[in-house]
Amino acid sequence: METYCTLLARTLAATGLALGLAFAAAGPAQAEIVCDPESIEDGRCDPEAPAKTVDGGDAASVGDLPVDAIRQIVRDYLLEQPELLIEVQQALQAKRDAQAAAEAQQVIQLFRDEIFADPEAPVAGNPECAIVLVEFFDYRCGYCRRVKPTLETLLAENDDLRFVFKEFPILGPESTLAARAALASRAQGLYEPFHWALLGADGPFDLDHILEVARSVGLDDERLARDMEDPAIDTLIDRNADLASALGVRGTPAFVIGDRMIRGALPIAQFRTAIADARQALEDGAGTSTQ
């Protein structure tokens, strides 16, 4: 992450503010139009008399100032106006956020079917609905666990929401093991309860513990262990990883809804706003159904 100093240096370099400040501090070098003393009558300049041009003198130009002088001018100015540091950072962050949002929209459109309509991806909520929330997650991710109650609440209060699960195990072999077990549970029709149970489970994510959690939701653990060896499961996990890379997802949790990316375990109010915006876009005809 860039520091204030880096942000400031990039902005000053881009705008030429340093040189502008140095030029202002150096003083005006242009000619000045004044009243000719010879045309003054009764203490006033005769407006009908020709004006006189006076040279601005030997004021230094920016090119004449040494680098150290320019640096000192910029430093002094910023010490007098320290709030500019915050303004610079806010402006730069706003610009980057807008660029990232625009780029995300393009990538989401490009990979729309893979994101929203992969027939191999488990789903929850209403499978027939066009309002779709997609999550990339890791069972061992603390923030994924923290956002679990939020997602359960959103599913309970939105009967027109389809939720798509994208296993994205990035925290080591135990994460991959849990993802393979979850995907294997589809064969027994218990993916969703097993998913929520894994997210809420404590303890190590070794095979014994995972199978213990599986039994707690009614899964046949012996069959689950066999189904976990299906090569198609690893193929799906790899496909999710490729999709995450294309979308610029490097951490969990990450969400996609409509044409928007949501990164991190945000407060529920922000998810509600995103869902409402996606619903309105569909009603207005600006959104695209992903059924």
Protein backbone atom coordinates (compact mmCIF):
# COMPACT_ATOMS: atom_id res chain seq x y z
CA MET A 1 0.00 0.00 0.00
CA GLU A 2 1.30 3.43 -0.91
CA THR A 3 2.19 5.83 1.85
CA TYR A 4 1.22 9.49 2.04
CA CYS A 5 4.67 10.40 0.73
CA THR A 6 4.38 8.10 -2.29
CA LEU A 7 0.88 9.29 -3.07
CA LEU A 8 1.96 12.91 -2.80
CA ALA A 9 5.06 12.43 -4.94
CA ARG A 10 3.03 10.73 -7.69
CA THR A 11 0.42 13.48 -7.67
CA LEU A 12 2.90 16.33 -7.62
CA ALA A 13 4.84 14.77 -10.46
CA ALA A 14 1.67 14.31 -12.50
CA THR A 15 0.28 17.81 -12.00
CA GLY A 16 3.46 19.85 -11.99
CA LEU A 17 2.41 21.43 -8.71
CA ALA A 18 5.95 21.65 -7.44
CA LEU A 19 7.07 23.73 -10.38
CA GLY A 20 3.97 25.86 -10.18
CA LEU A 21 4.61 26.61 -6.54
CA ALA A 22 8.24 27.37 -7.22
CA PHE A 23 7.31 29.72 -10.04
CA ALA A 24 4.81 31.55 -7.84
CA ALA A 25 7.34 31.90 -5.04
CA ALA A 26 9.97 33.21 -7.42
CA GLY A 27 7.81 36.23 -8.13
CA PRO A 28 6.36 37.65 -11.37
CA ALA A 29 8.77 38.17 -14.24
CA GLN A 30 6.32 39.70 -16.70
CA ALA A 31 6.16 43.39 -17.61
CA GLU A 32 3.89 45.68 -15.58
CA ILE A 33 1.77 48.51 -17.04
CA VAL A 34 1.93 51.66 -14.87
CA CYS A 35 1.06 55.30 -15.11
CA ASP A 36 3.76 57.45 -16.71
CA PRO A 37 4.88 59.97 -14.05
CA GLU A 38 5.13 62.64 -16.71
CA SER A 39 1.36 62.32 -17.36
CA ILE A 40 0.30 62.82 -13.72
CA GLU A 41 -1.75 65.95 -13.08
CA ASP A 42 -3.08 66.90 -9.65
CA GLY A 43 -1.96 63.56 -8.29
CA ARG A 44 -3.95 61.57 -10.83
CA CYS A 45 -2.91 59.64 -13.91
CA ASP A 46 -4.25 61.13 -17.13
CA PRO A 47 -6.29 58.28 -18.70
CA GLU A 48 -5.77 59.78 -22.11
CA ALA A 49 -2.00 59.68 -21.77
CA PRO A 50 -0.10 56.63 -23.08
CA ALA A 51 0.72 53.99 -20.47
CA LYS A 52 4.26 53.16 -19.60
CA THR A 53 5.63 49.61 -19.49
CA VAL A 54 8.05 48.75 -16.72
CA ASP A 55 10.19 45.59 -16.85
CA GLY A 56 9.47 43.08 -14.07
CA GLY A 57 13.14 42.99 -13.16
CA ASP A 58 15.48 40.11 -12.60
CA ALA A 59 12.99 37.74 -10.91
CA ALA A 60 14.21 34.17 -11.23
CA SER A 61 12.38 31.77 -13.52
CA VAL A 62 11.59 28.21 -12.49
CA GLY A 63 14.41 26.95 -14.62
CA ASP A 64 16.84 29.14 -12.68
CA LEU A 65 15.90 27.68 -9.29
CA PRO A 66 18.04 24.85 -7.91
CA VAL A 67 16.31 21.58 -7.02
CA ASP A 68 16.86 22.16 -3.30
CA ALA A 69 15.08 25.51 -3.52
CA ILE A 70 12.08 23.95 -5.27
CA ARG A 71 11.92 21.24 -2.63
CA GLN A 72 12.04 23.81 0.15
CA ILE A 73 9.25 25.84 -1.45
CA VAL A 74 7.03 22.75 -1.76
CA ARG A 75 7.84 21.68 1.80
CA ASP A 76 7.05 25.10 3.24
CA TYR A 77 3.80 25.30 1.31
CA LEU A 78 2.63 21.87 2.47
CA LEU A 79 3.53 22.66 6.07
CA GLU A 80 1.29 25.70 5.79
CA GLN A 81 -1.49 23.65 4.10
CA PRO A 82 -1.20 20.10 5.56
CA GLU A 83 -4.82 19.29 4.72
CA LEU A 84 -3.70 19.02 1.08
CA LEU A 85 -2.11 15.67 1.94
CA ILE A 86 -5.51 14.25 2.83
CA GLU A 87 -7.14 15.84 -0.21
CA VAL A 88 -4.48 14.37 -2.49
CA GLN A 89 -4.93 10.90 -1.04
CA GLN A 90 -8.72 11.08 -1.22
CA ALA A 91 -8.69 12.30 -4.81
CA LEU A 92 -6.23 9.64 -5.89
CA GLN A 93 -8.18 6.88 -4.10
CA ALA A 94 -11.45 8.04 -5.65
CA LYS A 95 -9.85 7.97 -9.10
CA ARG A 96 -8.47 4.49 -8.55
CA ASP A 97 -11.80 3.22 -7.18
CA ALA A 98 -13.59 4.53 -10.27
CA GLN A 99 -11.03 2.92 -12.57
CA ALA A 100 -11.24 -0.39 -10.69
CA ALA A 101 -15.04 -0.36 -10.86
CA ALA A 102 -15.00 0.31 -14.60
CA GLU A 103 -12.46 -2.47 -15.19
CA ALA A 104 -14.48 -4.87 -13.01
CA GLN A 105 -17.61 -4.20 -15.05
CA GLN A 106 -15.79 -5.12 -18.25
CA VAL A 107 -14.32 -8.31 -16.81
CA ILE A 108 -17.63 -9.37 -15.27
CA GLN A 109 -19.36 -8.98 -18.62
CA LEU A 110 -16.61 -11.00 -20.31
CA PHE A 111 -16.89 -13.92 -17.84
CA ARG A 112 -20.59 -13.57 -17.04
CA ASP A 113 -21.57 -17.18 -17.69
CA GLU A 114 -18.65 -18.59 -15.69
CA ILE A 115 -19.47 -16.31 -12.75
CA PHE A 116 -23.23 -16.62 -12.55
CA ALA A 117 -24.29 -19.67 -14.52
CA ASP A 118 -21.74 -22.45 -14.01
CA PRO A 119 -23.90 -25.59 -13.72
CA GLU A 120 -21.28 -27.23 -11.47
CA ALA A 121 -21.33 -24.44 -8.88
CA PRO A 122 -23.49 -25.11 -5.81
CA VAL A 123 -26.31 -22.63 -5.18
CA ALA A 124 -28.56 -21.58 -2.32
CA GLY A 125 -31.64 -19.43 -2.10
CA ASN A 126 -34.03 -19.27 -5.04
CA PRO A 127 -32.41 -21.08 -8.00
CA GLU A 128 -34.81 -19.47 -10.49
CA CYS A 129 -34.04 -15.85 -9.65
CA ALA A 130 -32.03 -13.36 -11.63
CA ILE A 131 -30.66 -11.47 -8.63
CA VAL A 132 -27.45 -13.39 -8.05
CA LEU A 133 -24.81 -12.96 -5.35
CA VAL A 134 -21.60 -14.92 -5.89
CA GLU A 135 -19.00 -15.52 -3.19
CA PHE A 136 -15.37 -16.64 -3.51
CA PHE A 137 -14.41 -18.05 -0.11
CA ASP A 138 -12.05 -20.23 1.90
CA TYR A 139 -13.36 -22.30 4.81
CA ARG A 140 -10.38 -21.34 6.95
CA CYS A 141 -10.68 -17.61 6.23
CA GLY A 142 -11.58 -15.67 9.36
CA TYR A 143 -13.40 -12.96 7.41
CA CYS A 144 -15.42 -15.58 5.52
CA ARG A 145 -16.52 -16.93 8.89
CA ARG A 146 -17.32 -13.44 10.11
CA VAL A 147 -19.57 -12.68 7.13
CA LYS A 148 -21.47 -15.99 7.45
CA PRO A 149 -24.33 -14.59 9.61
CA THR A 150 -24.69 -11.67 7.19
CA LEU A 151 -25.12 -14.01 4.23
CA GLU A 152 -27.60 -16.19 6.08
CA THR A 153 -29.64 -13.09 6.94
CA LEU A 154 -29.58 -11.88 3.34
CA LEU A 155 -30.83 -15.25 2.10
CA ALA A 156 -33.61 -15.26 4.69
CA GLU A 157 -34.86 -11.76 3.88
CA ASN A 158 -34.59 -11.88 0.05
CA ASP A 159 -36.75 -14.54 -1.56
CA ASP A 160 -35.62 -13.37 -5.01
CA LEU A 161 -31.91 -13.96 -4.34
CA ARG A 162 -29.81 -16.79 -5.71
CA PHE A 163 -26.50 -17.37 -3.95
CA VAL A 164 -23.62 -19.04 -5.83
CA PHE A 165 -20.74 -20.68 -3.97
CA LYS A 166 -17.23 -20.52 -5.43
CA GLU A 167 -14.72 -22.55 -3.43
CA PHE A 168 -11.44 -20.68 -3.60
CA PRO A 169 -9.05 -22.40 -1.15
CA ILE A 170 -5.99 -20.18 -0.81
CA LEU A 171 -4.85 -20.84 2.75
CA GLY A 172 -3.08 -24.15 2.31
CA PRO A 173 -3.75 -27.89 1.95
CA GLU A 174 -6.37 -27.98 4.74
CA SER A 175 -8.41 -25.37 2.91
CA THR A 176 -8.27 -27.46 -0.25
CA LEU A 177 -9.27 -30.56 1.70
CA ALA A 178 -12.32 -28.81 3.12
CA ALA A 179 -13.31 -27.48 -0.32
CA ARG A 180 -13.05 -30.95 -1.85
CA ALA A 181 -15.19 -32.41 0.94
CA ALA A 182 -17.83 -29.71 0.50
CA LEU A 183 -18.03 -30.26 -3.24
CA ALA A 184 -18.17 -34.02 -2.74
CA SER A 185 -21.22 -33.59 -0.49
CA ARG A 186 -23.25 -32.53 -3.53
CA ALA A 187 -23.61 -36.20 -4.40
CA GLN A 188 -25.64 -36.68 -1.20
CA GLY A 189 -27.66 -33.50 -1.63
CA LEU A 190 -26.37 -31.88 1.56
CA TYR A 191 -23.95 -29.27 0.29
CA GLU A 192 -25.60 -26.23 1.84
CA PRO A 193 -25.93 -27.50 5.45
CA PHE A 194 -22.42 -28.91 5.27
CA HIS A 195 -21.09 -25.60 3.92
CA TRP A 196 -22.53 -23.55 6.78
CA ALA A 197 -21.42 -26.16 9.31
CA LEU A 198 -17.84 -26.06 8.01
CA LEU A 199 -17.78 -22.28 8.20
CA GLY A 200 -18.93 -22.44 11.80
CA ALA A 201 -16.75 -25.35 12.90
CA ASP A 202 -13.82 -24.99 15.28
CA GLY A 203 -10.70 -27.10 15.36
CA PRO A 204 -8.18 -28.27 12.76
CA PHE A 205 -9.35 -28.90 9.24
CA ASP A 206 -7.84 -32.34 8.95
CA LEU A 207 -9.79 -35.21 7.39
CA ASP A 208 -11.01 -36.63 10.71
CA HIS A 209 -12.46 -33.31 11.81
CA ILE A 210 -14.04 -32.65 8.41
CA LEU A 211 -15.71 -36.06 8.43
CA GLU A 212 -16.93 -35.42 11.97
CA VAL A 213 -18.62 -32.23 10.79
CA ALA A 214 -20.04 -34.15 7.83
CA ARG A 215 -21.65 -36.72 10.12
CA SER A 216 -23.20 -33.92 12.18
CA VAL A 217 -25.31 -32.81 9.19
CA GLY A 218 -26.30 -36.33 8.16
CA LEU A 219 -23.67 -37.15 5.56
CA ASP A 220 -22.40 -40.69 5.05
CA ASP A 221 -18.75 -40.03 5.88
CA GLU A 222 -17.42 -43.16 4.17
CA ARG A 223 -19.16 -42.30 0.93
CA LEU A 224 -18.02 -38.69 1.27
CA ALA A 225 -14.39 -39.79 1.62
CA ARG A 226 -14.71 -41.83 -1.57
CA ASP A 227 -16.45 -39.05 -3.48
CA MET A 228 -13.72 -36.61 -2.52
CA GLU A 229 -11.36 -38.49 -4.86
CA ASP A 230 -13.40 -37.55 -7.94
CA PRO A 231 -11.02 -35.71 -10.33
CA ALA A 232 -13.89 -33.46 -11.43
CA ILE A 233 -13.76 -31.78 -8.01
CA ASP A 234 -10.16 -30.69 -8.45
CA THR A 235 -11.02 -29.50 -11.96
CA LEU A 236 -13.80 -27.28 -10.57
CA ILE A 237 -11.53 -25.84 -7.87
CA ASP A 238 -8.89 -25.06 -10.50
CA ARG A 239 -11.54 -23.43 -12.68
CA ASN A 240 -12.66 -21.26 -9.77
CA ALA A 241 -9.05 -20.22 -9.20
CA ASP A 242 -8.64 -19.24 -12.86
CA LEU A 243 -11.86 -17.23 -12.73
CA ALA A 244 -10.76 -15.49 -9.53
CA SER A 245 -7.48 -14.57 -11.18
CA ALA A 246 -9.28 -13.13 -14.21
CA LEU A 247 -11.45 -11.03 -11.90
CA GLY A 248 -8.48 -9.82 -9.88
CA VAL A 249 -9.63 -11.65 -6.74
CA ARG A 250 -6.59 -12.25 -4.55
CA GLY A 251 -8.20 -12.61 -1.14
CA THR A 252 -11.34 -13.90 0.50
CA PRO A 253 -14.16 -13.25 0.80
CA ALA A 254 -14.93 -11.58 -2.51
CA PHE A 255 -18.36 -11.14 -4.04
CA VAL A 256 -19.91 -10.36 -7.40
CA ILE A 257 -23.44 -9.00 -7.82
CA GLY A 258 -24.73 -7.49 -11.02
CA ASP A 259 -21.78 -5.67 -12.53
CA ARG A 260 -20.13 -4.91 -9.21
CA MET A 261 -17.32 -6.44 -7.18
CA ILE A 262 -17.47 -6.39 -3.37
CA ARG A 263 -14.22 -7.19 -1.61
CA GLY A 264 -14.18 -8.16 2.05
CA ALA A 265 -16.67 -8.78 4.83
CA LEU A 266 -18.59 -5.53 4.57
CA PRO A 267 -21.45 -4.48 6.88
CA ILE A 268 -24.83 -5.92 5.94
CA ALA A 269 -26.16 -2.49 4.97
CA GLN A 270 -23.74 -2.35 2.03
CA PHE A 271 -24.83 -5.78 0.81
CA ARG A 272 -28.47 -4.71 1.08
CA THR A 273 -27.72 -1.65 -1.00
CA ALA A 274 -25.94 -3.73 -3.64
CA ILE A 275 -28.89 -6.16 -3.83
CA ALA A 276 -31.38 -3.29 -4.10
CA ASP A 277 -29.28 -1.67 -6.85
CA ALA A 278 -29.10 -4.95 -8.80
CA ARG A 279 -32.87 -5.43 -8.44
CA GLN A 280 -33.55 -1.89 -9.63
CA ALA A 281 -31.21 -2.32 -12.59
CA LEU A 282 -33.17 -5.38 -13.69
CA GLU A 283 -36.49 -3.58 -13.29
CA ASP A 284 -35.16 -0.67 -15.33
CA GLY A 285 -33.85 -3.01 -18.01
CA ALA A 286 -30.25 -1.98 -17.35
CA GLY A 287 -29.30 -5.24 -15.74
CA THR A 288 -28.85 -8.63 -17.33
CA SER A 289 -30.60 -11.75 -16.13
CA THR A 290 -28.21 -14.54 -15.30
CA GLN A 291 -30.71 -17.36 -15.31
